[in-house]
Amino acid sequence: VAALNVTKPEQNQYQYMLEGFDKAWYEAGVKRNGRYSGLPGGS
């Protein structure tokens, strides 16, 4: 993902959550990507 901010884009922060799998938001910091594996069947 990318949050659009042209002033200092390297300082943008990110959070993500996979509802139905995660119990809380993951604080990714400046990391712009993530990965999920081994997901059971479902939505």
All heavy atoms as atom14 arrays in JSON, in Angstrom:
{
  "sequence": "VAALNVTKPEQNQYQYMLEGFDKAWYEAGVKRNGRYSGLPGGS",
  "atom14_mask": [
    [1, 1, 1, 1, 1, 1, 1, 0, 0, 0, 0, 0, 0, 0],
    [1, 1, 1, 1, 1, 0, 0, 0, 0, 0, 0, 0, 0, 0],
    [1, 1, 1, 1, 1, 0, 0, 0, 0, 0, 0, 0, 0, 0],
    [1, 1, 1, 1, 1, 1, 1, 1, 0, 0, 0, 0, 0, 0],
    [1, 1, 1, 1, 1, 1, 1, 1, 0, 0, 0, 0, 0, 0],
    [1, 1, 1, 1, 1, 1, 1, 0, 0, 0, 0, 0, 0, 0],
    [1, 1, 1, 1, 1, 1, 1, 0, 0, 0, 0, 0, 0, 0],
    [1, 1, 1, 1, 1, 1, 1, 1, 1, 0, 0, 0, 0, 0],
    [1, 1, 1, 1, 1, 1, 1, 0, 0, 0, 0, 0, 0, 0],
    [1, 1, 1, 1, 1, 1, 1, 1, 1, 0, 0, 0, 0, 0],
    [1, 1, 1, 1, 1, 1, 1, 1, 1, 0, 0, 0, 0, 0],
    [1, 1, 1, 1, 1, 1, 1, 1, 0, 0, 0, 0, 0, 0],
    [1, 1, 1, 1, 1, 1, 1, 1, 1, 0, 0, 0, 0, 0],
    [1, 1, 1, 1, 1, 1, 1, 1, 1, 1, 1, 1, 0, 0],
    [1, 1, 1, 1, 1, 1, 1, 1, 1, 0, 0, 0, 0, 0],
    [1, 1, 1, 1, 1, 1, 1, 1, 1, 1, 1, 1, 0, 0],
    [1, 1, 1, 1, 1, 1, 1, 1, 0, 0, 0, 0, 0, 0],
    [1, 1, 1, 1, 1, 1, 1, 1, 0, 0, 0, 0, 0, 0],
    [1, 1, 1, 1, 1, 1, 1, 1, 1, 0, 0, 0, 0, 0],
    [1, 1, 1, 1, 0, 0, 0, 0, 0, 0, 0, 0, 0, 0],
    [1, 1, 1, 1, 1, 1, 1, 1, 1, 1, 1, 0, 0, 0],
    [1, 1, 1, 1, 1, 1, 1, 1, 0, 0, 0, 0, 0, 0],
    [1, 1, 1, 1, 1, 1, 1, 1, 1, 0, 0, 0, 0, 0],
    [1, 1, 1, 1, 1, 0, 0, 0, 0, 0, 0, 0, 0, 0],
    [1, 1, 1, 1, 1, 1, 1, 1, 1, 1, 1, 1, 1, 1],
    [1, 1, 1, 1, 1, 1, 1, 1, 1, 1, 1, 1, 0, 0],
    [1, 1, 1, 1, 1, 1, 1, 1, 1, 0, 0, 0, 0, 0],
    [1, 1, 1, 1, 1, 0, 0, 0, 0, 0, 0, 0, 0, 0],
    [1, 1, 1, 1, 0, 0, 0, 0, 0, 0, 0, 0, 0, 0],
    [1, 1, 1, 1, 1, 1, 1, 0, 0, 0, 0, 0, 0, 0],
    [1, 1, 1, 1, 1, 1, 1, 1, 1, 0, 0, 0, 0, 0],
    [1, 1, 1, 1, 1, 1, 1, 1, 1, 1, 1, 0, 0, 0],
    [1, 1, 1, 1, 1, 1, 1, 1, 0, 0, 0, 0, 0, 0],
    [1, 1, 1, 1, 0, 0, 0, 0, 0, 0, 0, 0, 0, 0],
    [1, 1, 1, 1, 1, 1, 1, 1, 1, 1, 1, 0, 0, 0],
    [1, 1, 1, 1, 1, 1, 1, 1, 1, 1, 1, 1, 0, 0],
    [1, 1, 1, 1, 1, 1, 0, 0, 0, 0, 0, 0, 0, 0],
    [1, 1, 1, 1, 0, 0, 0, 0, 0, 0, 0, 0, 0, 0],
    [1, 1, 1, 1, 1, 1, 1, 1, 0, 0, 0, 0, 0, 0],
    [1, 1, 1, 1, 1, 1, 1, 0, 0, 0, 0, 0, 0, 0],
    [1, 1, 1, 1, 0, 0, 0, 0, 0, 0, 0, 0, 0, 0],
    [1, 1, 1, 1, 0, 0, 0, 0, 0, 0, 0, 0, 0, 0],
    [1, 1, 1, 1, 1, 1, 0, 0, 0, 0, 0, 0, 0, 0]
  ],
  "atom14_positions": [
    [[0.84, -1.19, 0.0], [0.0, 0.0, 0.0], [0.88, 1.25, 0.0], [2.07, 1.18, 0.24], [-0.94, 0.04, 1.23], [-1.91, -1.12, 1.21], [-0.15, 0.05, 2.51], [0.0, 0.0, 0.0], [0.0, 0.0, 0.0], [0.0, 0.0, 0.0], [0.0, 0.0, 0.0], [0.0, 0.0, 0.0], [0.0, 0.0, 0.0], [0.0, 0.0, 0.0]],
    [[0.25, 2.38, -0.25], [0.94, 3.66, -0.17], [-0.03, 4.72, 0.33], [-1.17, 4.78, -0.13], [1.48, 4.07, -1.54], [0.0, 0.0, 0.0], [0.0, 0.0, 0.0], [0.0, 0.0, 0.0], [0.0, 0.0, 0.0], [0.0, 0.0, 0.0], [0.0, 0.0, 0.0], [0.0, 0.0, 0.0], [0.0, 0.0, 0.0], [0.0, 0.0, 0.0]],
    [[0.4, 5.48, 1.31], [-0.36, 6.65, 1.77], [0.25, 7.84, 1.05], [1.46, 8.06, 1.09], [-0.26, 6.82, 3.28], [0.0, 0.0, 0.0], [0.0, 0.0, 0.0], [0.0, 0.0, 0.0], [0.0, 0.0, 0.0], [0.0, 0.0, 0.0], [0.0, 0.0, 0.0], [0.0, 0.0, 0.0], [0.0, 0.0, 0.0], [0.0, 0.0, 0.0]],
    [[-0.57, 8.61, 0.36], [-0.04, 9.69, -0.46], [0.22, 10.94, 0.37], [-0.69, 11.58, 0.9], [-1.02, 10.0, -1.6], [-1.29, 8.82, -2.52], [-2.28, 9.19, -3.6], [-0.01, 8.31, -3.13], [0.0, 0.0, 0.0], [0.0, 0.0, 0.0], [0.0, 0.0, 0.0], [0.0, 0.0, 0.0], [0.0, 0.0, 0.0], [0.0, 0.0, 0.0]],
    [[1.48, 11.25, 0.52], [1.94, 12.45, 1.2], [3.3, 12.78, 0.59], [4.25, 12.03, 0.77], [2.07, 12.21, 2.71], [2.66, 13.41, 3.42], [2.62, 14.53, 2.91], [3.24, 13.2, 4.57], [0.0, 0.0, 0.0], [0.0, 0.0, 0.0], [0.0, 0.0, 0.0], [0.0, 0.0, 0.0], [0.0, 0.0, 0.0], [0.0, 0.0, 0.0]],
    [[3.38, 13.87, -0.11], [4.61, 14.17, -0.85], [5.65, 14.91, -0.03], [6.79, 15.04, -0.46], [4.28, 14.96, -2.15], [3.47, 14.1, -3.1], [3.55, 16.24, -1.84], [0.0, 0.0, 0.0], [0.0, 0.0, 0.0], [0.0, 0.0, 0.0], [0.0, 0.0, 0.0], [0.0, 0.0, 0.0], [0.0, 0.0, 0.0], [0.0, 0.0, 0.0]],
    [[5.3, 15.4, 1.16], [6.26, 16.15, 1.96], [7.41, 15.26, 2.42], [8.56, 15.53, 2.13], [5.57, 16.79, 3.18], [4.47, 17.57, 2.72], [6.51, 17.67, 3.95], [0.0, 0.0, 0.0], [0.0, 0.0, 0.0], [0.0, 0.0, 0.0], [0.0, 0.0, 0.0], [0.0, 0.0, 0.0], [0.0, 0.0, 0.0], [0.0, 0.0, 0.0]],
    [[7.09, 14.19, 3.16], [8.09, 13.23, 3.63], [7.48, 11.84, 3.58], [7.18, 11.25, 4.62], [8.54, 13.57, 5.05], [9.29, 14.87, 5.18], [9.73, 15.1, 6.61], [10.45, 16.43, 6.72], [10.8, 16.74, 8.1], [0.0, 0.0, 0.0], [0.0, 0.0, 0.0], [0.0, 0.0, 0.0], [0.0, 0.0, 0.0], [0.0, 0.0, 0.0]],
    [[7.27, 11.29, 2.39], [6.57, 10.0, 2.29], [7.26, 8.85, 3.02], [6.61, 7.91, 3.43], [6.5, 9.74, 0.78], [7.56, 10.6, 0.19], [7.72, 11.78, 1.1], [0.0, 0.0, 0.0], [0.0, 0.0, 0.0], [0.0, 0.0, 0.0], [0.0, 0.0, 0.0], [0.0, 0.0, 0.0], [0.0, 0.0, 0.0], [0.0, 0.0, 0.0]],
    [[8.56, 8.94, 3.22], [9.29, 7.88, 3.92], [8.92, 7.83, 5.41], [9.26, 6.89, 6.1], [10.8, 8.04, 3.74], [11.41, 9.24, 4.45], [11.25, 10.58, 3.71], [10.68, 10.61, 2.61], [11.73, 11.58, 4.25], [0.0, 0.0, 0.0], [0.0, 0.0, 0.0], [0.0, 0.0, 0.0], [0.0, 0.0, 0.0], [0.0, 0.0, 0.0]],
    [[8.21, 8.85, 5.91], [7.8, 8.87, 7.31], [6.33, 8.5, 7.51], [5.82, 8.52, 8.63], [8.08, 10.25, 7.92], [9.55, 10.56, 8.01], [9.82, 11.92, 8.64], [8.92, 12.62, 9.07], [11.08, 12.29, 8.68], [0.0, 0.0, 0.0], [0.0, 0.0, 0.0], [0.0, 0.0, 0.0], [0.0, 0.0, 0.0], [0.0, 0.0, 0.0]],
    [[5.62, 8.15, 6.43], [4.24, 7.7, 6.57], [4.21, 6.41, 7.39], [5.1, 5.58, 7.27], [3.61, 7.44, 5.2], [3.45, 8.7, 4.38], [3.58, 9.8, 4.88], [3.17, 8.53, 3.11], [0.0, 0.0, 0.0], [0.0, 0.0, 0.0], [0.0, 0.0, 0.0], [0.0, 0.0, 0.0], [0.0, 0.0, 0.0], [0.0, 0.0, 0.0]],
    [[3.19, 6.25, 8.2], [3.02, 5.07, 9.04], [1.81, 4.27, 8.54], [0.9, 4.84, 7.94], [2.77, 5.48, 10.5], [3.89, 6.3, 11.11], [5.06, 5.44, 11.5], [4.89, 4.43, 12.15], [6.26, 5.85, 11.11], [0.0, 0.0, 0.0], [0.0, 0.0, 0.0], [0.0, 0.0, 0.0], [0.0, 0.0, 0.0], [0.0, 0.0, 0.0]],
    [[1.79, 2.97, 8.84], [0.71, 2.1, 8.38], [0.25, 1.16, 9.48], [1.04, 0.77, 10.35], [1.19, 1.26, 7.17], [1.62, 2.12, 6.03], [2.95, 2.53, 5.9], [0.71, 2.58, 5.09], [3.35, 3.35, 4.87], [1.1, 3.41, 4.06], [2.42, 3.79, 3.95], [2.8, 4.61, 2.94], [0.0, 0.0, 0.0], [0.0, 0.0, 0.0]],
    [[-1.03, 0.81, 9.43], [-1.63, -0.19, 10.28], [-2.52, -1.06, 9.41], [-3.12, -0.57, 8.45], [-2.53, 0.43, 11.36], [-1.85, 1.32, 12.34], [-2.86, 1.96, 13.3], [-4.03, 2.13, 12.97], [-2.4, 2.29, 14.49], [0.0, 0.0, 0.0], [0.0, 0.0, 0.0], [0.0, 0.0, 0.0], [0.0, 0.0, 0.0], [0.0, 0.0, 0.0]],
    [[-2.61, -2.35, 9.75], [-3.55, -3.19, 9.03], [-4.1, -4.29, 9.93], [-3.52, -4.62, 10.96], [-2.95, -3.78, 7.75], [-1.73, -4.64, 7.91], [-1.85, -6.0, 8.18], [-0.45, -4.12, 7.76], [-0.74, -6.81, 8.3], [0.66, -4.92, 7.87], [0.52, -6.26, 8.15], [1.63, -7.06, 8.26], [0.0, 0.0, 0.0], [0.0, 0.0, 0.0]],
    [[-5.26, -4.8, 9.53], [-5.92, -5.87, 10.26], [-6.71, -6.72, 9.27], [-7.36, -6.19, 8.37], [-6.91, -5.28, 11.28], [-7.76, -6.34, 11.95], [-9.19, -5.7, 12.87], [-8.44, -4.6, 14.01], [0.0, 0.0, 0.0], [0.0, 0.0, 0.0], [0.0, 0.0, 0.0], [0.0, 0.0, 0.0], [0.0, 0.0, 0.0], [0.0, 0.0, 0.0]],
    [[-6.64, -8.03, 9.45], [-7.46, -8.95, 8.66], [-8.59, -9.41, 9.56], [-8.41, -10.26, 10.44], [-6.63, -10.14, 8.17], [-7.33, -11.08, 7.19], [-7.75, -10.35, 5.92], [-6.44, -12.26, 6.85], [0.0, 0.0, 0.0], [0.0, 0.0, 0.0], [0.0, 0.0, 0.0], [0.0, 0.0, 0.0], [0.0, 0.0, 0.0], [0.0, 0.0, 0.0]],
    [[-9.76, -8.77, 9.39], [-10.92, -9.11, 10.22], [-11.31, -10.56, 9.95], [-11.35, -11.0, 8.81], [-12.09, -8.19, 9.93], [-11.88, -6.8, 10.45], [-13.09, -5.89, 10.22], [-13.95, -6.19, 9.36], [-13.15, -4.87, 10.91], [0.0, 0.0, 0.0], [0.0, 0.0, 0.0], [0.0, 0.0, 0.0], [0.0, 0.0, 0.0], [0.0, 0.0, 0.0]],
    [[-11.6, -11.28, 11.01], [-11.9, -12.7, 10.9], [-10.67, -13.55, 11.15], [-10.76, -14.77, 11.24], [0.0, 0.0, 0.0], [0.0, 0.0, 0.0], [0.0, 0.0, 0.0], [0.0, 0.0, 0.0], [0.0, 0.0, 0.0], [0.0, 0.0, 0.0], [0.0, 0.0, 0.0], [0.0, 0.0, 0.0], [0.0, 0.0, 0.0], [0.0, 0.0, 0.0]],
    [[-9.49, -12.91, 11.27], [-8.24, -13.62, 11.51], [-7.44, -12.94, 12.63], [-7.07, -13.58, 13.6], [-7.42, -13.68, 10.22], [-6.21, -14.58, 10.29], [-6.35, -15.95, 10.2], [-4.94, -14.03, 10.43], [-5.23, -16.78, 10.28], [-3.83, -14.85, 10.49], [-3.97, -16.22, 10.42], [0.0, 0.0, 0.0], [0.0, 0.0, 0.0], [0.0, 0.0, 0.0]],
    [[-7.18, -11.65, 12.49], [-6.44, -10.89, 13.52], [-7.37, -10.45, 14.64], [-8.55, -10.18, 14.41], [-5.79, -9.63, 12.9], [-4.66, -9.96, 11.95], [-4.0, -10.99, 12.13], [-4.45, -9.16, 11.02], [0.0, 0.0, 0.0], [0.0, 0.0, 0.0], [0.0, 0.0, 0.0], [0.0, 0.0, 0.0], [0.0, 0.0, 0.0], [0.0, 0.0, 0.0]],
    [[-6.81, -10.33, 15.83], [-7.59, -9.84, 16.97], [-7.4, -8.34, 17.19], [-8.17, -7.71, 17.9], [-7.2, -10.61, 18.23], [-7.54, -12.09, 18.14], [-7.35, -12.77, 19.47], [-7.56, -14.25, 19.44], [-8.49, -14.83, 18.57], [0.0, 0.0, 0.0], [0.0, 0.0, 0.0], [0.0, 0.0, 0.0], [0.0, 0.0, 0.0], [0.0, 0.0, 0.0]],
    [[-6.37, -7.76, 16.6], [-6.07, -6.33, 16.8], [-5.34, -5.8, 15.57], [-4.88, -6.57, 14.72], [-5.21, -6.14, 18.04], [0.0, 0.0, 0.0], [0.0, 0.0, 0.0], [0.0, 0.0, 0.0], [0.0, 0.0, 0.0], [0.0, 0.0, 0.0], [0.0, 0.0, 0.0], [0.0, 0.0, 0.0], [0.0, 0.0, 0.0], [0.0, 0.0, 0.0]],
    [[-5.24, -4.49, 15.5], [-4.49, -3.84, 14.42], [-3.0, -4.18, 14.55], [-2.45, -4.2, 15.65], [-4.65, -2.33, 14.49], [-5.99, -1.86, 14.03], [-7.08, -1.65, 14.81], [-6.37, -1.54, 12.7], [-8.13, -1.23, 14.03], [-7.72, -1.14, 12.73], [-5.71, -1.56, 11.48], [-8.42, -0.76, 11.59], [-6.41, -1.18, 10.34], [-7.73, -0.79, 10.41]],
    [[-2.35, -4.42, 13.41], [-0.9, -4.61, 13.37], [-0.26, -3.27, 13.07], [-0.59, -2.63, 12.07], [-0.51, -5.64, 12.3], [0.97, -5.81, 12.16], [1.7, -6.49, 13.13], [1.65, -5.25, 11.09], [3.06, -6.63, 13.02], [3.02, -5.39, 10.97], [3.72, -6.08, 11.94], [5.07, -6.21, 11.83], [0.0, 0.0, 0.0], [0.0, 0.0, 0.0]],
    [[0.63, -2.84, 13.93], [1.34, -1.57, 13.75], [2.56, -1.85, 12.87], [3.58, -2.36, 13.33], [1.79, -1.01, 15.11], [0.66, -0.79, 16.09], [-0.19, 0.42, 15.76], [0.28, 1.31, 15.03], [-1.33, 0.46, 16.23], [0.0, 0.0, 0.0], [0.0, 0.0, 0.0], [0.0, 0.0, 0.0], [0.0, 0.0, 0.0], [0.0, 0.0, 0.0]],
    [[2.46, -1.51, 11.6], [3.52, -1.83, 10.64], [4.61, -0.77, 10.56], [5.62, -0.98, 9.9], [2.92, -2.04, 9.26], [0.0, 0.0, 0.0], [0.0, 0.0, 0.0], [0.0, 0.0, 0.0], [0.0, 0.0, 0.0], [0.0, 0.0, 0.0], [0.0, 0.0, 0.0], [0.0, 0.0, 0.0], [0.0, 0.0, 0.0], [0.0, 0.0, 0.0]],
    [[4.42, 0.38, 11.22], [5.4, 1.45, 11.13], [5.48, 1.96, 9.7], [4.47, 2.18, 9.05], [0.0, 0.0, 0.0], [0.0, 0.0, 0.0], [0.0, 0.0, 0.0], [0.0, 0.0, 0.0], [0.0, 0.0, 0.0], [0.0, 0.0, 0.0], [0.0, 0.0, 0.0], [0.0, 0.0, 0.0], [0.0, 0.0, 0.0], [0.0, 0.0, 0.0]],
    [[6.69, 2.09, 9.17], [6.88, 2.61, 7.81], [6.84, 1.49, 6.76], [6.93, 1.76, 5.57], [8.19, 3.42, 7.68], [8.15, 4.64, 8.59], [9.4, 2.55, 7.99], [0.0, 0.0, 0.0], [0.0, 0.0, 0.0], [0.0, 0.0, 0.0], [0.0, 0.0, 0.0], [0.0, 0.0, 0.0], [0.0, 0.0, 0.0], [0.0, 0.0, 0.0]],
    [[6.71, 0.25, 7.21], [6.64, -0.89, 6.29], [5.34, -0.84, 5.51], [4.26, -0.8, 6.09], [6.75, -2.19, 7.08], [6.84, -3.41, 6.23], [7.01, -4.64, 7.1], [6.85, -5.88, 6.26], [6.72, -7.07, 7.07], [0.0, 0.0, 0.0], [0.0, 0.0, 0.0], [0.0, 0.0, 0.0], [0.0, 0.0, 0.0], [0.0, 0.0, 0.0]],
    [[5.42, -0.87, 4.18], [4.26, -0.68, 3.31], [3.65, -1.98, 2.8], [2.78, -1.96, 1.94], [4.65, 0.17, 2.12], [5.09, 1.57, 2.48], [5.49, 2.39, 1.27], [4.73, 2.04, 0.09], [5.26, 1.89, -1.12], [6.55, 2.04, -1.32], [4.49, 1.59, -2.15], [0.0, 0.0, 0.0], [0.0, 0.0, 0.0], [0.0, 0.0, 0.0]],
    [[4.1, -3.12, 3.3], [3.56, -4.38, 2.8], [3.32, -5.35, 3.94], [3.78, -5.16, 5.05], [4.47, -4.98, 1.73], [5.88, -5.2, 2.24], [6.17, -4.97, 3.4], [6.76, -5.62, 1.36], [0.0, 0.0, 0.0], [0.0, 0.0, 0.0], [0.0, 0.0, 0.0], [0.0, 0.0, 0.0], [0.0, 0.0, 0.0], [0.0, 0.0, 0.0]],
    [[2.56, -6.39, 3.63], [2.27, -7.43, 4.61], [1.97, -8.73, 3.91], [1.84, -8.79, 2.68], [0.0, 0.0, 0.0], [0.0, 0.0, 0.0], [0.0, 0.0, 0.0], [0.0, 0.0, 0.0], [0.0, 0.0, 0.0], [0.0, 0.0, 0.0], [0.0, 0.0, 0.0], [0.0, 0.0, 0.0], [0.0, 0.0, 0.0], [0.0, 0.0, 0.0]],
    [[1.84, -9.8, 4.71], [1.6, -11.14, 4.15], [0.78, -11.95, 5.13], [1.01, -11.88, 6.33], [2.93, -11.84, 3.89], [2.8, -13.26, 3.4], [4.17, -13.9, 3.22], [4.06, -15.32, 2.98], [3.93, -15.88, 1.79], [3.9, -15.12, 0.71], [3.84, -17.19, 1.66], [0.0, 0.0, 0.0], [0.0, 0.0, 0.0], [0.0, 0.0, 0.0]],
    [[-0.14, -12.71, 4.59], [-0.92, -13.67, 5.37], [-0.8, -15.02, 4.69], [-0.82, -15.12, 3.46], [-2.4, -13.27, 5.43], [-2.65, -12.11, 6.37], [-2.67, -10.81, 5.9], [-2.85, -12.33, 7.73], [-2.89, -9.75, 6.76], [-3.07, -11.28, 8.6], [-3.09, -9.99, 8.11], [-3.3, -8.94, 8.97], [0.0, 0.0, 0.0], [0.0, 0.0, 0.0]],
    [[-0.66, -16.09, 5.48], [-0.58, -17.43, 4.92], [-1.29, -18.41, 5.85], [-1.53, -18.12, 7.01], [0.87, -17.85, 4.71], [1.55, -17.88, 5.94], [0.0, 0.0, 0.0], [0.0, 0.0, 0.0], [0.0, 0.0, 0.0], [0.0, 0.0, 0.0], [0.0, 0.0, 0.0], [0.0, 0.0, 0.0], [0.0, 0.0, 0.0], [0.0, 0.0, 0.0]],
    [[-1.63, -19.57, 5.3], [-2.29, -20.6, 6.08], [-3.7, -20.23, 6.51], [-4.15, -20.67, 7.56], [0.0, 0.0, 0.0], [0.0, 0.0, 0.0], [0.0, 0.0, 0.0], [0.0, 0.0, 0.0], [0.0, 0.0, 0.0], [0.0, 0.0, 0.0], [0.0, 0.0, 0.0], [0.0, 0.0, 0.0], [0.0, 0.0, 0.0], [0.0, 0.0, 0.0]],
    [[-4.39, -19.44, 5.7], [-5.74, -19.01, 6.06], [-6.73, -20.16, 5.9], [-6.78, -20.8, 4.85], [-6.18, -17.84, 5.17], [-5.39, -16.55, 5.32], [-5.79, -15.56, 4.24], [-5.62, -15.96, 6.71], [0.0, 0.0, 0.0], [0.0, 0.0, 0.0], [0.0, 0.0, 0.0], [0.0, 0.0, 0.0], [0.0, 0.0, 0.0], [0.0, 0.0, 0.0]],
    [[-7.54, -20.41, 6.93], [-8.59, -21.42, 6.79], [-9.69, -20.91, 5.86], [-9.79, -19.71, 5.61], [-9.12, -21.61, 8.21], [-8.54, -20.53, 9.04], [-7.45, -19.86, 8.26], [0.0, 0.0, 0.0], [0.0, 0.0, 0.0], [0.0, 0.0, 0.0], [0.0, 0.0, 0.0], [0.0, 0.0, 0.0], [0.0, 0.0, 0.0], [0.0, 0.0, 0.0]],
    [[-10.52, -21.81, 5.36], [-11.62, -21.42, 4.51], [-12.52, -20.41, 5.21], [-12.73, -20.5, 6.42], [0.0, 0.0, 0.0], [0.0, 0.0, 0.0], [0.0, 0.0, 0.0], [0.0, 0.0, 0.0], [0.0, 0.0, 0.0], [0.0, 0.0, 0.0], [0.0, 0.0, 0.0], [0.0, 0.0, 0.0], [0.0, 0.0, 0.0], [0.0, 0.0, 0.0]],
    [[-12.99, -19.43, 4.46], [-13.87, -18.42, 5.04], [-13.75, -17.1, 4.31], [-13.08, -16.99, 3.29], [0.0, 0.0, 0.0], [0.0, 0.0, 0.0], [0.0, 0.0, 0.0], [0.0, 0.0, 0.0], [0.0, 0.0, 0.0], [0.0, 0.0, 0.0], [0.0, 0.0, 0.0], [0.0, 0.0, 0.0], [0.0, 0.0, 0.0], [0.0, 0.0, 0.0]],
    [[-14.4, -16.09, 4.88], [-14.39, -14.75, 4.3], [-13.72, -13.8, 5.28], [-14.0, -13.84, 6.49], [-15.82, -14.31, 4.01], [-15.82, -13.05, 3.38], [0.0, 0.0, 0.0], [0.0, 0.0, 0.0], [0.0, 0.0, 0.0], [0.0, 0.0, 0.0], [0.0, 0.0, 0.0], [0.0, 0.0, 0.0], [0.0, 0.0, 0.0], [0.0, 0.0, 0.0]]
  ]
}
